[in-house]
C-alpha atoms as a PDB file:
ATOM      1  CA  MET A   1      92.157 101.734 110.963  1.00  0.00           C
ATOM      2  CA  VAL A   2      92.261  99.263 108.091  1.00  0.00           C
ATOM      3  CA  LEU A   3      89.371 101.023 106.379  1.00  0.00           C
ATOM      4  CA  ALA A   4      91.211 104.340 106.708  1.00  0.00           C
ATOM      5  CA  ILE A   5      94.330 102.836 105.113  1.00  0.00           C
ATOM      6  CA  TRP A   6      92.160 101.420 102.319  1.00  0.00           C
ATOM      7  CA  ALA A   7      90.623 104.859 101.735  1.00  0.00           C
ATOM      8  CA  LEU A   8      94.052 106.510 101.642  1.00  0.00           C
ATOM      9  CA  ALA A   9      95.269 103.905  99.152  1.00  0.00           C
ATOM     10  CA  THR A  10      92.320 104.595  96.865  1.00  0.00           C
ATOM     11  CA  MET A  11      92.916 108.324  97.070  1.00  0.00           C
ATOM     12  CA  ALA A  12      96.566 107.775  96.198  1.00  0.00           C
ATOM     13  CA  LEU A  13      95.430 106.179  92.927  1.00  0.00           C
ATOM     14  CA  ALA A  14      93.309 109.154  91.877  1.00  0.00           C
ATOM     15  CA  PRO A  15      96.072 111.359  90.424  1.00  0.00           C
ATOM     16  CA  LEU A  16      97.506 108.500  88.362  1.00  0.00           C
ATOM     17  CA  PRO A  17      96.618 108.127  84.685  1.00  0.00           C
ATOM     18  CA  LEU A  18      93.681 105.795  84.101  1.00  0.00           C
ATOM     19  CA  ARG A  19      95.793 103.033  82.585  1.00  0.00           C
ATOM     20  CA  HIS A  20      97.835 102.894  85.811  1.00  0.00           C
ATOM     21  CA  GLN A  21      94.732 102.843  88.030  1.00  0.00           C
ATOM     22  CA  ILE A  22      93.112  99.691  86.676  1.00  0.00           C
ATOM     23  CA  LEU A  23      95.058  96.882  88.380  1.00  0.00           C
ATOM     24  CA  PRO A  24      95.558  98.533  91.784  1.00  0.00           C
ATOM     25  CA  GLY A  25      91.953  99.747  91.727  1.00  0.00           C
ATOM     26  CA  LEU A  26      90.698  96.260  90.955  1.00  0.00           C
ATOM     27  CA  ALA A  27      92.788  94.845  93.804  1.00  0.00           C
ATOM     28  CA  LEU A  28      91.390  97.431  96.198  1.00  0.00           C
ATOM     29  CA  LEU A  29      87.857  96.720  95.022  1.00  0.00           C
ATOM     30  CA  LEU A  30      88.333  92.981  95.584  1.00  0.00           C
ATOM     31  CA  VAL A  31      89.762  93.546  99.072  1.00  0.00           C
ATOM     32  CA  LEU A  32      86.898  95.852 100.042  1.00  0.00           C
ATOM     33  CA  PRO A  33      84.433  93.157 101.230  1.00  0.00           C
ATOM     34  CA  VAL A  34      87.070  91.679 103.530  1.00  0.00           C
ATOM     35  CA  VAL A  35      87.903  95.098 104.943  1.00  0.00           C
ATOM     36  CA  LEU A  36      84.226  95.934 105.468  1.00  0.00           C
ATOM     37  CA  VAL A  37      83.482  92.631 107.221  1.00  0.00           C
ATOM     38  CA  TRP A  38      86.540  93.040 109.421  1.00  0.00           C
ATOM     39  CA  THR A  39      85.557  96.616 110.264  1.00  0.00           C
ATOM     40  CA  GLY A  40      82.005  95.505 110.986  1.00  0.00           C
ATOM     41  CA  ARG A  41      83.137  92.823 113.403  1.00  0.00           C
ATOM     42  CA  VAL A  42      85.423  95.192 115.263  1.00  0.00           C
ATOM     43  CA  HIS A  43      83.494  98.479 115.229  1.00  0.00           C
ATOM     44  CA  GLY A  44      79.878  97.718 114.319  1.00  0.00           C
ATOM     45  CA  TYR A  45      77.656  98.569 111.380  1.00  0.00           C
ATOM     46  CA  LEU A  46      77.947 102.377 111.288  1.00  0.00           C
ATOM     47  CA  PRO A  47      81.599 102.486 110.116  1.00  0.00           C
ATOM     48  CA  VAL A  48      80.706  99.811 107.551  1.00  0.00           C
ATOM     49  CA  LEU A  49      77.932 101.995 106.152  1.00  0.00           C
ATOM     50  CA  ILE A  50      80.292 104.969 105.991  1.00  0.00           C
ATOM     51  CA  GLY A  51      82.987 102.844 104.342  1.00  0.00           C
ATOM     52  CA  PHE A  52      80.520 101.432 101.835  1.00  0.00           C
ATOM     53  CA  ALA A  53      79.308 104.929 100.959  1.00  0.00           C
ATOM     54  CA  ALA A  54      82.904 106.078 100.520  1.00  0.00           C
ATOM     55  CA  ALA A  55      83.666 103.087  98.292  1.00  0.00           C
ATOM     56  CA  VAL A  56      80.643 103.735  96.091  1.00  0.00           C
ATOM     57  CA  SER A  57      81.671 107.366  95.851  1.00  0.00           C
ATOM     58  CA  LEU A  58      85.271 106.530  94.936  1.00  0.00           C
ATOM     59  CA  PHE A  59      84.337 103.857  92.407  1.00  0.00           C
ATOM     60  CA  ARG A  60      81.201 105.511  91.001  1.00  0.00           C
ATOM     61  CA  LYS A  61      82.442 105.778  87.410  1.00  0.00           C
ATOM     62  CA  PRO A  62      83.865 102.237  87.137  1.00  0.00           C
ATOM     63  CA  LEU A  63      80.755 100.846  88.846  1.00  0.00           C
ATOM     64  CA  LYS A  64      78.536 102.768  86.415  1.00  0.00           C
ATOM     65  CA  VAL A  65      80.422 101.296  83.443  1.00  0.00           C
ATOM     66  CA  LEU A  66      80.207  97.810  84.952  1.00  0.00           C
ATOM     67  CA  TRP A  67      76.462  98.249  85.558  1.00  0.00           C
ATOM     68  CA  ARG A  68      75.892  99.324  81.945  1.00  0.00           C
ATOM     69  CA  ARG A  69      77.784  96.300  80.643  1.00  0.00           C
ATOM     70  CA  LEU A  70      75.786  93.960  82.853  1.00  0.00           C
ATOM     71  CA  VAL A  71      72.486  95.510  81.760  1.00  0.00           C
ATOM     72  CA  ARG A  72      73.398  95.262  78.070  1.00  0.00           C
ATOM     73  CA  ARG A  73      74.213  91.561  78.360  1.00  0.00           C
ATOM     74  CA  SER A  74      70.944  90.659  80.018  1.00  0.00           C
END
């Protein structure tokens, strides 16, 4: 249930302009590990894998930019 609410919150951010997505998106990204651990404890590993795949899909562009920045620095 919590993972579904998290997914709906991320989808609600999608139509917003990028400058309005940054802070709420960062908050949702920081809350994600807690939500995944909680979901894993309650429902097992399969919903966690699905939730992780959904998170990677939703945050693929910001994660790609973050990855490029990390690679450039090292």
